[in-house]
Amino acid sequence: MDPSDSITELLLKAAALIPITHYLLGIWIIFLIFMYIFLEVHIFQDFLNGFRGNPVTLTYNSCSEIYDGVVSKCRILHGRYLVSPWLSSPHLQTVFLNFFGNPPRFSYRRQLFTTPDGGTIALDWLMPSDVAPAASYMSNSISKDDRTPIVMVIPGLMSDSASAYIKHLAFKIAKGGWNAVISNHRGLGGISLTSDWFYNAGWTEDVRTVVEYLHQEYPNAPLFAVGTSIGANVLVKYLGEDGDSTHIAGAAAICSPWDLLICDRFINRRLVQKVYDRALTIGLQIYAQTHQSIYSRLADWEEIQKSRSVRDFDNHATCVIGKYETADTYYRHSSSAGYVKNITVPLLCVSALDDPVCTKEAIPWDECRANKNIVLATTPHGGHLAFFEGITAYGLWWVRAVDEFFSVLHSSSFMHKRKEESSPQMLEPVLDQGPYLSLTEDGMLSAIVNEATTGGIVANLPEEQCNHTKTAEAIISEPEADIKTNEKSLCDTVKPSNHDVDGNQDVRYLRQATAPLKRHLKELSRHGRKSMWLLAYIAILTTWPFLRSALLILFKRKIRNVVPATWLRK
């Protein structure tokens, strides 16, 4: 070794003695560590856990009858979920689902449905006979009185009936003896747009229209619904909007974004999320390219082509066509989290905590826990709509969970039934329950009142108000008693005619009916007088500085002779 060699030269000579294969091995190890962290791989955790999977966490209301009567009997939801070992990453699962997915093979039966505004929706049906070993195509329709349950499926963004996860779900439903119908979004499923309206994350009118159609066509068949991704957001929003008036007997929301504003921020946070954002944008641009004739007429086509993110596309296309001011306005208006509290249908929600598209930060935990009709099932792993299980990734865990949930719900007494609009359970103000007065042709006033309703209101009033009502009725009936006393002799000799008897009954009935109305008017008048005095007092206090100055200017000479000079200086 030459003593004149520097430390750097010595290090380089030492490095040259190491075989090149060692360097390649080191680079490979560093790359694996980076990818392990970047892709959020968890196979080592699964190995340390003995490949037993993770338990499913259920969030529900402690008084929920849906949990006690339905979910508590679902074995899958109370079990554990184990990811396919070679797909131990949310990104690997999501990518594998979209490019491969291992979907079953079958053929749908297509029905074209026209909406009231002229739009066209492709309804793709899959029936038990289509997946039977010896499938028969002799009967291609369902009878009007068929009681076989129907499951309506709403796909996610840029998905249709041909998507792998939709096929997994439809096949499982049909294999169980139920009918599945996929309600494709407008312009998807190989169907051209026939109107100037496109689907979006908050457009619930198509779901409402299809639900009404299915109920009218098959009134005896229980109707269930499953929404996936954006379709789950649309379904939850629809259930919250319609409440008890929907025909849906039970529903499931899979990997819902819940709050679109939070998901928009999340998908632009990290590099890996930006990859999904870019992929979704390309899909939306392909969709717009397919319907360029309409998009170029209604929106700025050049800006749509230049879009680099979903937010850009929504700014230049969705907001323009949907008449939203900004993308944030559209996201707030279309988010389903605010409608959770109004849901009255038994709803199973499934989400993965490592979902790379719909973040767990958007899940409305407290709202789901407060609603007795909702059960939220979450797993540590699963990706976006994937949840592959088994060595060969033969199936999706959430498909089995939803199928079991619907089966147990169908055999229970907790299925939702639409309440008739003729008997709404709404609380109305007491004044609105009072009698209505109608003016007849001869100038007489007659009361139109519901006896049962009026009686119910009086029965629910506090004792004070009941006494007040009785007193008012007694005062009103006093003149009638005097008249009867004075005319007693006439009544003894002259028998009243039927017309007179009916007239007296009408007068008595009118007085009894208008007594509550008079009482409420008196109360309003009394409160009104108090309010007027209070307003006058406030007006004097607030205007006194100006009023004092005006009085001094007008009556300064007269006041000067009465009021001391020191007061005027102040």
Protein backbone atom coordinates (compact mmCIF):
# COMPACT_ATOMS: atom_id res chain seq x y z
CA MET A 1 0.00 0.00 0.00
CA ASP A 2 1.40 3.34 -1.07
CA PRO A 3 1.43 5.78 1.89
CA SER A 4 0.73 8.63 -0.49
CA ASP A 5 -2.71 7.25 -1.40
CA SER A 6 -5.61 9.28 -0.07
CA ILE A 7 -8.51 7.83 1.90
CA THR A 8 -10.80 8.16 -1.13
CA GLU A 9 -8.47 6.18 -3.33
CA LEU A 10 -8.21 3.47 -0.70
CA LEU A 11 -12.00 3.22 -0.45
CA LEU A 12 -12.35 2.94 -4.22
CA LYS A 13 -9.77 0.18 -4.37
CA ALA A 14 -11.57 -1.69 -1.60
CA ALA A 15 -14.91 -1.29 -3.37
CA ALA A 16 -13.43 -2.68 -6.57
CA LEU A 17 -12.59 -5.91 -4.78
CA ILE A 18 -16.32 -6.57 -4.02
CA PRO A 19 -18.04 -8.73 -6.70
CA ILE A 20 -20.62 -7.02 -8.88
CA THR A 21 -23.23 -9.59 -7.89
CA HIS A 22 -23.12 -8.31 -4.32
CA TYR A 23 -23.96 -4.84 -5.54
CA LEU A 24 -26.88 -6.12 -7.57
CA LEU A 25 -28.15 -8.07 -4.59
CA GLY A 26 -27.95 -4.97 -2.39
CA ILE A 27 -29.79 -2.85 -4.95
CA TRP A 28 -32.47 -5.53 -5.20
CA ILE A 29 -32.90 -5.62 -1.42
CA ILE A 30 -33.20 -1.82 -1.24
CA PHE A 31 -35.75 -1.88 -4.06
CA LEU A 32 -37.79 -4.53 -2.30
CA ILE A 33 -37.80 -2.54 0.93
CA PHE A 34 -38.89 0.57 -0.95
CA MET A 35 -41.65 -1.28 -2.78
CA TYR A 36 -42.73 -3.00 0.42
CA ILE A 37 -43.27 0.39 2.03
CA PHE A 38 -44.54 2.15 -1.11
CA LEU A 39 -47.08 -0.56 -1.99
CA GLU A 40 -48.03 -1.11 1.66
CA VAL A 41 -47.32 -4.84 1.51
CA HIS A 42 -48.28 -6.70 4.67
CA ILE A 43 -47.27 -10.30 4.00
CA PHE A 44 -44.80 -10.30 6.91
CA GLN A 45 -47.54 -9.18 9.29
CA ASP A 46 -49.78 -11.92 7.94
CA PHE A 47 -46.97 -14.44 8.42
CA LEU A 48 -46.42 -13.37 12.02
CA ASN A 49 -50.17 -13.62 12.51
CA GLY A 50 -50.09 -17.22 11.32
CA PHE A 51 -52.09 -16.35 8.18
CA ARG A 52 -55.26 -16.36 10.28
CA GLY A 53 -56.50 -13.09 8.85
CA ASN A 54 -57.95 -10.14 10.72
CA PRO A 55 -61.32 -9.97 12.47
CA VAL A 56 -64.07 -7.86 10.92
CA THR A 57 -64.90 -4.77 12.97
CA LEU A 58 -68.62 -4.01 13.20
CA THR A 59 -69.88 -0.53 14.08
CA TYR A 60 -73.56 -0.24 14.95
CA ASN A 61 -76.04 1.26 17.36
CA SER A 62 -76.37 -0.56 20.67
CA CYS A 63 -80.16 -0.60 20.24
CA SER A 64 -80.06 -1.76 16.61
CA GLU A 65 -82.65 -4.41 15.79
CA ILE A 66 -80.93 -4.94 12.44
CA TYR A 67 -77.81 -6.12 14.22
CA ASP A 68 -79.67 -8.23 16.78
CA GLY A 69 -82.05 -9.82 14.27
CA VAL A 70 -79.92 -10.01 11.11
CA VAL A 71 -76.18 -9.26 11.36
CA SER A 72 -75.73 -11.28 14.55
CA LYS A 73 -76.70 -14.35 12.51
CA CYS A 74 -74.23 -13.64 9.70
CA ARG A 75 -71.29 -15.99 10.16
CA ILE A 76 -69.07 -14.27 7.58
CA LEU A 77 -69.34 -10.84 9.20
CA HIS A 78 -68.37 -12.36 12.54
CA GLY A 79 -65.43 -14.24 11.09
CA ARG A 80 -62.00 -13.18 9.85
CA TYR A 81 -60.80 -11.99 6.47
CA LEU A 82 -57.49 -13.25 5.08
CA VAL A 83 -56.04 -11.69 1.93
CA SER A 84 -54.66 -13.92 -0.80
CA PRO A 85 -50.96 -14.20 0.22
CA TRP A 86 -49.57 -13.12 -3.13
CA LEU A 87 -51.87 -10.09 -3.16
CA SER A 88 -50.90 -8.80 0.28
CA SER A 89 -51.15 -5.16 -0.72
CA PRO A 90 -54.12 -2.87 -1.32
CA HIS A 91 -52.54 -1.67 -4.56
CA LEU A 92 -51.82 -5.16 -5.84
CA GLN A 93 -55.40 -6.18 -5.07
CA THR A 94 -56.90 -3.12 -6.76
CA VAL A 95 -54.73 -3.43 -9.87
CA PHE A 96 -55.32 -7.17 -10.15
CA LEU A 97 -59.10 -6.64 -9.87
CA ASN A 98 -59.18 -4.12 -12.71
CA PHE A 99 -56.88 -5.96 -15.10
CA PHE A 100 -57.70 -9.59 -14.33
CA GLY A 101 -60.17 -10.25 -11.55
CA ASN A 102 -60.88 -13.92 -12.34
CA PRO A 103 -64.55 -13.21 -13.21
CA PRO A 104 -66.97 -16.09 -13.90
CA ARG A 105 -68.17 -16.56 -17.46
CA PHE A 106 -71.82 -16.07 -18.39
CA SER A 107 -74.04 -13.92 -20.59
CA TYR A 108 -76.50 -11.24 -19.53
CA ARG A 109 -79.95 -10.58 -20.92
CA ARG A 110 -80.11 -6.92 -21.89
CA GLN A 111 -83.12 -4.66 -21.54
CA LEU A 112 -83.04 -1.06 -22.72
CA PHE A 113 -84.90 1.27 -20.40
CA THR A 114 -85.84 4.83 -21.40
CA THR A 115 -85.98 7.51 -18.70
CA PRO A 116 -88.59 10.30 -18.66
CA ASP A 117 -86.03 12.82 -20.00
CA GLY A 118 -85.19 10.61 -22.99
CA GLY A 119 -82.06 9.00 -21.59
CA THR A 120 -81.26 5.33 -22.12
CA ILE A 121 -80.14 2.92 -19.40
CA ALA A 122 -78.99 -0.63 -20.11
CA LEU A 123 -80.47 -3.08 -17.59
CA ASP A 124 -78.48 -6.31 -17.75
CA TRP A 125 -80.30 -9.27 -16.16
CA LEU A 126 -78.82 -12.48 -14.82
CA MET A 127 -81.28 -15.13 -13.67
CA PRO A 128 -80.79 -18.46 -11.90
CA SER A 129 -81.47 -20.32 -15.14
CA ASP A 130 -78.54 -18.51 -16.80
CA VAL A 131 -75.99 -19.99 -14.41
CA ALA A 132 -77.52 -23.43 -14.07
CA PRO A 133 -75.49 -26.37 -15.44
CA ALA A 134 -78.02 -26.82 -18.24
CA ALA A 135 -78.95 -23.18 -18.85
CA SER A 136 -82.24 -22.78 -20.63
CA TYR A 137 -83.10 -19.66 -22.58
CA MET A 138 -86.71 -20.64 -23.17
CA SER A 139 -88.01 -18.13 -20.63
CA ASN A 140 -86.36 -14.74 -21.03
CA SER A 141 -88.67 -12.76 -18.78
CA ILE A 142 -89.99 -12.71 -15.24
CA SER A 143 -93.70 -13.14 -14.61
CA LYS A 144 -95.67 -10.28 -13.07
CA ASP A 145 -96.50 -12.20 -9.90
CA ASP A 146 -93.02 -13.69 -9.41
CA ARG A 147 -91.88 -13.48 -5.79
CA THR A 148 -88.20 -14.21 -6.44
CA PRO A 149 -86.10 -11.42 -4.87
CA ILE A 150 -84.38 -8.98 -7.22
CA VAL A 151 -80.98 -7.44 -6.47
CA MET A 152 -80.29 -4.18 -8.27
CA VAL A 153 -76.57 -3.39 -8.70
CA ILE A 154 -75.20 0.12 -9.23
CA PRO A 155 -71.61 0.05 -10.59
CA GLY A 156 -68.82 2.44 -9.71
CA LEU A 157 -67.15 5.20 -11.70
CA MET A 158 -66.47 4.08 -15.28
CA SER A 159 -67.63 0.54 -14.45
CA ASP A 160 -70.44 -1.42 -16.05
CA SER A 161 -71.86 -4.94 -16.08
CA ALA A 162 -68.68 -6.28 -17.71
CA SER A 163 -66.46 -5.30 -14.76
CA ALA A 164 -64.94 -8.23 -12.89
CA TYR A 165 -66.33 -7.41 -9.45
CA ILE A 166 -69.83 -6.85 -10.90
CA LYS A 167 -69.69 -10.29 -12.52
CA HIS A 168 -68.59 -11.88 -9.26
CA LEU A 169 -71.57 -10.32 -7.48
CA ALA A 170 -74.15 -11.07 -10.18
CA PHE A 171 -73.02 -14.71 -10.45
CA LYS A 172 -73.24 -15.21 -6.68
CA ILE A 173 -76.74 -13.75 -6.57
CA ALA A 174 -78.02 -15.82 -9.48
CA LYS A 175 -76.34 -18.95 -8.13
CA GLY A 176 -78.31 -18.45 -4.92
CA GLY A 177 -81.63 -18.49 -6.79
CA TRP A 178 -82.24 -14.73 -6.98
CA ASN A 179 -82.47 -12.41 -9.98
CA ALA A 180 -79.72 -9.83 -10.49
CA VAL A 181 -80.08 -6.70 -12.60
CA ILE A 182 -77.20 -4.32 -13.25
CA SER A 183 -78.33 -0.74 -13.81
CA ASN A 184 -75.55 0.62 -16.01
CA HIS A 185 -74.86 4.34 -15.93
CA ARG A 186 -75.86 6.46 -18.88
CA GLY A 187 -73.45 6.16 -21.76
CA LEU A 188 -71.81 3.00 -20.38
CA GLY A 189 -72.32 -0.65 -21.20
CA GLY A 190 -72.00 0.02 -24.93
CA ILE A 191 -75.03 2.33 -25.02
CA SER A 192 -74.97 5.75 -26.67
CA LEU A 193 -76.22 8.84 -24.93
CA THR A 194 -79.72 9.81 -26.05
CA SER A 195 -80.10 12.94 -23.91
CA ASP A 196 -78.04 15.92 -22.79
CA TRP A 197 -77.60 14.64 -19.25
CA PHE A 198 -74.71 12.58 -17.89
CA TYR A 199 -74.48 10.61 -14.69
CA ASN A 200 -72.42 11.94 -11.79
CA ALA A 201 -71.65 11.08 -8.17
CA GLY A 202 -74.77 12.79 -6.83
CA TRP A 203 -77.33 12.03 -9.54
CA THR A 204 -79.98 9.86 -7.86
CA GLU A 205 -82.87 10.35 -10.27
CA ASP A 206 -81.89 7.38 -12.45
CA VAL A 207 -81.80 5.07 -9.42
CA ARG A 208 -85.18 6.38 -8.27
CA THR A 209 -86.69 5.85 -11.73
CA VAL A 210 -85.35 2.31 -12.11
CA VAL A 211 -86.50 1.35 -8.59
CA GLU A 212 -90.02 2.59 -9.34
CA TYR A 213 -90.05 0.72 -12.64
CA LEU A 214 -88.88 -2.55 -11.09
CA HIS A 215 -91.51 -2.30 -8.36
CA GLN A 216 -94.29 -1.60 -10.83
CA GLU A 217 -93.25 -4.48 -13.08
CA TYR A 218 -92.67 -6.99 -10.26
CA PRO A 219 -94.68 -5.75 -7.25
CA ASN A 220 -94.49 -9.05 -5.37
CA ALA A 221 -90.70 -9.45 -5.63
CA PRO A 222 -88.63 -8.00 -2.75
CA LEU A 223 -86.17 -5.48 -4.13
CA PHE A 224 -82.62 -5.21 -2.77
CA ALA A 225 -79.83 -2.88 -3.91
CA VAL A 226 -76.03 -2.93 -3.92
CA GLY A 227 -73.89 0.10 -4.70
CA THR A 228 -70.15 -0.03 -5.32
CA SER A 229 -67.72 2.90 -5.06
CA ILE A 230 -69.43 5.93 -6.67
CA GLY A 231 -72.50 3.74 -7.08
CA ALA A 232 -72.50 3.25 -3.30
CA ASN A 233 -72.42 7.01 -2.80
CA VAL A 234 -75.38 7.41 -5.16
CA LEU A 235 -77.31 4.61 -3.43
CA VAL A 236 -76.74 5.96 0.10
CA LYS A 237 -77.71 9.47 -1.02
CA TYR A 238 -80.87 8.12 -2.65
CA LEU A 239 -81.85 6.16 0.46
CA GLY A 240 -81.35 9.26 2.58
CA GLU A 241 -83.36 11.43 0.23
CA ASP A 242 -86.36 9.11 -0.05
CA GLY A 243 -86.42 7.74 3.50
CA ASP A 244 -89.53 5.62 4.10
CA SER A 245 -90.91 6.21 0.60
CA THR A 246 -88.45 3.88 -1.15
CA HIS A 247 -89.35 0.36 -2.28
CA ILE A 248 -85.90 -0.99 -1.37
CA ALA A 249 -86.17 -3.78 1.23
CA GLY A 250 -82.46 -3.91 2.06
CA ALA A 251 -79.22 -2.44 0.72
CA ALA A 252 -75.43 -2.71 0.82
CA ALA A 253 -72.83 0.00 0.13
CA ILE A 254 -69.36 -1.27 -0.76
CA CYS A 255 -66.30 1.01 -0.55
CA SER A 256 -68.32 4.22 -0.65
CA PRO A 257 -66.35 7.49 -0.85
CA TRP A 258 -68.86 9.07 1.58
CA ASP A 259 -67.33 12.57 1.46
CA LEU A 260 -66.10 13.50 -2.02
CA LEU A 261 -64.28 16.59 -0.83
CA ILE A 262 -62.12 14.57 1.58
CA CYS A 263 -61.48 11.91 -1.06
CA ASP A 264 -60.46 14.60 -3.56
CA ARG A 265 -57.85 15.90 -1.12
CA PHE A 266 -56.70 12.36 -0.31
CA ILE A 267 -56.24 11.24 -3.91
CA ASN A 268 -53.85 14.14 -4.52
CA ARG A 269 -51.84 13.71 -1.34
CA ARG A 270 -49.21 11.07 -2.17
CA LEU A 271 -47.53 9.86 -5.34
CA VAL A 272 -49.26 6.48 -5.32
CA GLN A 273 -52.68 8.12 -4.95
CA LYS A 274 -51.90 10.46 -7.83
CA VAL A 275 -51.41 7.40 -10.00
CA TYR A 276 -55.04 6.41 -9.31
CA ASP A 277 -56.16 9.97 -9.94
CA ARG A 278 -54.47 9.97 -13.32
CA ALA A 279 -55.90 6.55 -14.21
CA LEU A 280 -59.45 7.70 -13.35
CA THR A 281 -58.94 10.86 -15.39
CA ILE A 282 -57.92 8.86 -18.45
CA GLY A 283 -61.04 6.72 -18.02
CA LEU A 284 -63.25 9.81 -17.85
CA GLN A 285 -61.58 11.25 -20.95
CA ILE A 286 -62.21 8.00 -22.84
CA TYR A 287 -65.85 8.21 -21.76
CA ALA A 288 -66.02 11.81 -22.98
CA GLN A 289 -64.33 10.82 -26.25
CA THR A 290 -67.03 8.21 -26.82
CA HIS A 291 -69.69 10.91 -26.52
CA GLN A 292 -67.69 13.79 -27.97
CA SER A 293 -70.59 15.16 -30.03
CA ILE A 294 -72.53 15.98 -26.87
CA TYR A 295 -69.61 16.98 -24.65
CA SER A 296 -68.21 19.39 -27.26
CA ARG A 297 -71.63 21.04 -27.53
CA LEU A 298 -72.29 21.42 -23.80
CA ALA A 299 -68.78 21.95 -22.39
CA ASP A 300 -65.28 23.13 -23.30
CA TRP A 301 -63.87 20.18 -25.23
CA GLU A 302 -60.30 21.50 -25.36
CA GLU A 303 -60.15 21.89 -21.59
CA ILE A 304 -61.57 18.38 -21.13
CA GLN A 305 -58.76 16.97 -23.25
CA LYS A 306 -56.18 18.92 -21.23
CA SER A 307 -57.48 17.65 -17.87
CA ARG A 308 -54.73 16.11 -15.77
CA SER A 309 -56.85 15.10 -12.78
CA VAL A 310 -60.40 14.14 -11.86
CA ARG A 311 -60.83 17.59 -10.36
CA ASP A 312 -59.87 19.23 -13.66
CA PHE A 313 -62.38 17.06 -15.52
CA ASP A 314 -65.11 17.91 -13.02
CA ASN A 315 -64.34 21.63 -13.33
CA HIS A 316 -64.56 21.64 -17.12
CA ALA A 317 -67.24 18.99 -17.70
CA THR A 318 -69.28 17.86 -14.69
CA CYS A 319 -69.73 21.33 -13.19
CA VAL A 320 -70.58 22.92 -16.54
CA ILE A 321 -73.18 20.34 -17.49
CA GLY A 322 -74.52 19.89 -13.96
CA LYS A 323 -74.71 23.66 -13.32
CA TYR A 324 -72.38 23.64 -10.31
CA GLU A 325 -70.38 26.76 -9.49
CA THR A 326 -67.14 24.99 -8.56
CA ALA A 327 -65.82 21.47 -8.10
CA ASP A 328 -66.00 21.89 -4.32
CA THR A 329 -69.67 22.84 -4.62
CA TYR A 330 -70.29 19.70 -6.65
CA TYR A 331 -68.41 17.53 -4.15
CA ARG A 332 -70.29 18.96 -1.17
CA HIS A 333 -73.66 18.66 -2.87
CA SER A 334 -73.04 15.08 -4.03
CA SER A 335 -71.51 13.60 -0.87
CA SER A 336 -73.69 10.98 0.82
CA ALA A 337 -72.36 11.37 4.38
CA GLY A 338 -74.94 14.05 5.17
CA TYR A 339 -77.83 11.75 4.24
CA VAL A 340 -76.89 8.84 6.50
CA LYS A 341 -79.12 10.00 9.36
CA ASN A 342 -82.26 9.81 7.18
CA ILE A 343 -81.84 6.19 6.06
CA THR A 344 -84.64 3.86 7.17
CA VAL A 345 -83.65 0.83 5.09
CA PRO A 346 -81.47 -1.95 6.59
CA LEU A 347 -78.05 -1.05 5.20
CA LEU A 348 -74.77 -2.96 5.36
CA CYS A 349 -71.69 -0.82 4.64
CA VAL A 350 -68.34 -2.49 3.87
CA SER A 351 -65.05 -0.60 3.69
CA ALA A 352 -61.36 -1.46 3.82
CA LEU A 353 -59.19 0.73 6.00
CA ASP A 354 -56.36 0.53 3.45
CA ASP A 355 -58.57 1.55 0.50
CA PRO A 356 -56.21 3.52 -1.80
CA VAL A 357 -59.06 5.48 -3.45
CA CYS A 358 -61.79 6.01 -0.85
CA THR A 359 -59.97 6.91 2.33
CA LYS A 360 -61.08 5.82 5.79
CA GLU A 361 -60.92 9.48 6.82
CA ALA A 362 -64.22 10.07 5.00
CA ILE A 363 -66.16 7.30 6.77
CA PRO A 364 -68.95 8.85 8.91
CA TRP A 365 -68.38 6.66 11.96
CA ASP A 366 -70.60 8.57 14.38
CA GLU A 367 -73.46 8.96 11.88
CA CYS A 368 -73.45 5.23 11.14
CA ARG A 369 -73.37 4.41 14.84
CA ALA A 370 -76.29 6.77 15.53
CA ASN A 371 -78.56 5.21 12.89
CA LYS A 372 -80.20 1.98 14.10
CA ASN A 373 -80.68 0.76 10.51
CA ILE A 374 -76.99 0.77 9.57
CA VAL A 375 -74.19 -1.69 10.30
CA LEU A 376 -70.69 -0.71 9.20
CA ALA A 377 -68.21 -3.55 8.59
CA THR A 378 -64.54 -2.61 8.22
CA THR A 379 -61.43 -4.71 7.63
CA PRO A 380 -57.76 -3.66 7.92
CA HIS A 381 -57.06 -4.86 4.37
CA GLY A 382 -58.98 -5.32 1.14
CA GLY A 383 -58.06 -2.54 -1.26
CA HIS A 384 -60.72 -0.86 -3.35
CA LEU A 385 -63.58 -3.28 -4.15
CA ALA A 386 -61.16 -6.22 -4.17
CA PHE A 387 -61.10 -8.29 -0.94
CA PHE A 388 -59.62 -11.29 -2.76
CA GLU A 389 -59.45 -14.49 -0.73
CA GLY A 390 -58.00 -17.96 -1.21
CA ILE A 391 -54.68 -19.11 -2.61
CA THR A 392 -55.87 -18.64 -6.19
CA ALA A 393 -57.89 -15.45 -5.48
CA TYR A 394 -60.99 -17.32 -6.59
CA GLY A 395 -63.53 -14.92 -5.10
CA LEU A 396 -64.29 -11.67 -3.32
CA TRP A 397 -64.98 -11.71 0.40
CA TRP A 398 -67.49 -8.84 0.34
CA VAL A 399 -69.61 -10.65 -2.26
CA ARG A 400 -70.12 -13.55 0.13
CA ALA A 401 -70.81 -11.17 3.02
CA VAL A 402 -73.48 -9.25 1.10
CA ASP A 403 -75.10 -12.44 -0.17
CA GLU A 404 -75.36 -13.83 3.36
CA PHE A 405 -76.68 -10.52 4.73
CA PHE A 406 -79.46 -10.38 2.14
CA SER A 407 -80.39 -14.03 2.70
CA VAL A 408 -80.74 -13.59 6.46
CA LEU A 409 -82.58 -10.29 6.02
CA HIS A 410 -85.01 -11.85 3.55
CA SER A 411 -85.91 -14.61 5.98
CA SER A 412 -86.42 -12.14 8.84
CA SER A 413 -89.14 -9.63 9.67
CA PHE A 414 -86.83 -6.63 9.36
CA MET A 415 -87.11 -6.01 5.62
CA HIS A 416 -88.10 -2.44 4.90
CA LYS A 417 -91.62 -1.88 3.61
CA ARG A 418 -92.67 1.36 2.04
CA LYS A 419 -95.09 3.41 4.08
CA GLU A 420 -98.12 4.61 2.19
CA GLU A 421 -98.13 8.32 1.47
CA SER A 422 -101.80 8.54 2.46
CA SER A 423 -100.95 8.11 6.14
CA PRO A 424 -97.71 9.99 6.78
CA GLN A 425 -96.30 9.87 10.30
CA MET A 426 -95.60 13.56 10.54
CA LEU A 427 -96.03 15.91 13.47
CA GLU A 428 -97.93 19.05 12.50
CA PRO A 429 -98.43 22.28 14.44
CA VAL A 430 -101.53 22.31 16.63
CA LEU A 431 -102.92 25.37 14.86
CA ASP A 432 -102.89 23.49 11.57
CA GLN A 433 -105.19 20.88 13.12
CA GLY A 434 -107.95 23.41 13.66
CA PRO A 435 -111.18 23.52 11.65
CA TYR A 436 -111.41 24.92 8.15
CA LEU A 437 -114.30 27.29 7.35
CA SER A 438 -116.13 27.15 4.03
CA LEU A 439 -118.49 29.80 2.67
CA THR A 440 -121.69 28.43 1.12
CA GLU A 441 -123.77 30.04 -1.60
CA ASP A 442 -126.35 31.41 0.88
CA GLY A 443 -123.65 33.24 2.84
CA MET A 444 -123.54 30.78 5.76
CA LEU A 445 -120.30 29.59 7.32
CA SER A 446 -119.83 25.88 7.89
CA ALA A 447 -116.97 24.16 9.70
CA ILE A 448 -115.06 21.31 8.10
CA VAL A 449 -113.28 19.39 10.84
CA ASN A 450 -112.07 15.89 11.46
CA GLU A 451 -113.65 14.74 14.73
CA ALA A 452 -111.08 12.06 15.43
CA THR A 453 -108.18 14.43 14.83
CA THR A 454 -109.67 17.23 16.93
CA GLY A 455 -110.42 14.85 19.75
CA GLY A 456 -106.89 13.54 19.67
CA ILE A 457 -105.43 17.02 19.92
CA VAL A 458 -107.57 17.96 22.90
CA ALA A 459 -106.64 14.72 24.63
CA ASN A 460 -102.91 15.49 24.22
CA LEU A 461 -103.14 19.05 25.51
CA PRO A 462 -101.92 19.89 29.04
CA GLU A 463 -104.51 20.08 31.79
CA GLU A 464 -104.38 23.90 31.83
CA GLN A 465 -105.24 24.13 28.17
CA CYS A 466 -108.01 21.54 28.51
CA ASN A 467 -109.62 23.59 31.31
CA HIS A 468 -109.24 26.70 29.20
CA THR A 469 -111.02 24.97 26.35
CA LYS A 470 -113.84 23.84 28.59
CA THR A 471 -114.26 27.36 29.94
CA ALA A 472 -114.40 28.81 26.44
CA GLU A 473 -116.99 26.25 25.39
CA ALA A 474 -119.05 26.99 28.51
CA ILE A 475 -118.99 30.73 27.74
CA ILE A 476 -120.06 30.09 24.19
CA SER A 477 -122.88 27.80 25.30
CA GLU A 478 -124.32 30.27 27.86
CA PRO A 479 -126.42 32.28 25.39
CA GLU A 480 -127.74 29.03 24.00
CA ALA A 481 -128.87 27.98 27.50
CA ASP A 482 -130.67 31.32 28.02
CA ILE A 483 -132.47 30.96 24.71
CA LYS A 484 -133.60 27.47 25.63
CA THR A 485 -134.91 28.67 29.04
CA ASN A 486 -136.87 31.56 27.54
CA GLU A 487 -138.41 29.41 24.86
CA LYS A 488 -139.24 26.45 27.09
CA SER A 489 -142.99 27.12 26.94
CA LEU A 490 -142.99 27.30 23.19
CA CYS A 491 -141.08 24.04 22.98
CA ASP A 492 -143.71 22.40 25.17
CA THR A 493 -146.56 23.28 22.80
CA VAL A 494 -144.89 23.48 19.39
CA LYS A 495 -142.83 20.54 18.12
CA PRO A 496 -139.77 21.69 16.17
CA SER A 497 -139.44 20.63 12.56
CA ASN A 498 -136.60 18.48 11.24
CA HIS A 499 -135.08 21.51 9.52
CA ASP A 500 -134.96 23.44 12.83
CA VAL A 501 -133.40 20.50 14.64
CA ASP A 502 -130.72 20.14 11.97
CA GLY A 503 -130.07 23.88 12.10
CA ASN A 504 -129.59 23.84 15.86
CA GLN A 505 -127.25 20.90 15.59
CA ASP A 506 -125.19 22.69 12.94
CA VAL A 507 -124.93 25.82 15.14
CA ARG A 508 -123.91 23.75 18.16
CA TYR A 509 -121.41 21.82 16.08
CA LEU A 510 -119.99 25.03 14.64
CA ARG A 511 -119.53 26.52 18.10
CA GLN A 512 -117.84 23.40 19.40
CA ALA A 513 -115.56 23.22 16.38
CA THR A 514 -114.54 26.88 16.47
CA ALA A 515 -113.87 26.95 20.21
CA PRO A 516 -110.26 25.69 19.89
CA LEU A 517 -109.65 28.15 17.06
CA LYS A 518 -110.87 31.07 19.16
CA ARG A 519 -108.72 29.92 22.06
CA HIS A 520 -105.58 29.84 19.89
CA LEU A 521 -106.40 33.24 18.43
CA LYS A 522 -106.72 34.68 21.94
CA GLU A 523 -103.35 33.20 22.90
CA LEU A 524 -101.73 34.63 19.79
CA SER A 525 -103.31 38.03 20.51
CA ARG A 526 -102.07 37.98 24.12
CA HIS A 527 -98.54 37.05 23.05
CA GLY A 528 -98.77 39.65 20.29
CA ARG A 529 -99.54 42.45 22.78
CA LYS A 530 -96.54 41.48 24.90
CA SER A 531 -94.34 41.42 21.83
CA MET A 532 -95.55 44.85 20.74
CA TRP A 533 -94.73 46.40 24.14
CA LEU A 534 -91.31 44.75 24.08
CA LEU A 535 -90.60 46.05 20.59
CA ALA A 536 -91.70 49.54 21.59
CA TYR A 537 -89.38 49.46 24.62
CA ILE A 538 -86.44 48.34 22.49
CA ALA A 539 -87.21 51.00 19.87
CA ILE A 540 -87.21 53.76 22.50
CA LEU A 541 -83.89 52.60 23.97
CA THR A 542 -82.15 52.36 20.62
CA THR A 543 -83.45 55.68 19.23
CA TRP A 544 -83.23 57.75 22.44
CA PRO A 545 -79.91 59.53 21.57
CA PHE A 546 -81.36 60.79 18.29
CA LEU A 547 -84.74 61.50 19.85
CA ARG A 548 -83.12 63.51 22.69
CA SER A 549 -81.16 65.64 20.25
CA ALA A 550 -84.26 66.33 18.18
CA LEU A 551 -86.28 67.33 21.25
CA LEU A 552 -83.52 69.70 22.43
CA ILE A 553 -83.39 71.40 19.05
CA LEU A 554 -87.18 71.80 18.77
CA PHE A 555 -87.95 72.79 22.34
CA LYS A 556 -84.64 74.33 23.41
CA ARG A 557 -86.07 77.74 24.35
CA LYS A 558 -88.97 76.31 26.35
CA ILE A 559 -86.87 73.75 28.15
CA ARG A 560 -84.27 76.41 29.03
CA ASN A 561 -86.76 78.07 31.39
CA VAL A 562 -87.64 74.80 33.17
CA VAL A 563 -84.53 72.59 33.16
CA PRO A 564 -81.33 73.71 34.94
CA ALA A 565 -78.51 74.90 32.67
CA THR A 566 -76.17 72.16 33.91
CA TRP A 567 -78.45 69.48 32.44
CA LEU A 568 -78.42 71.14 29.03
CA ARG A 569 -74.62 71.24 28.97
CA LYS A 570 -74.49 67.51 29.38
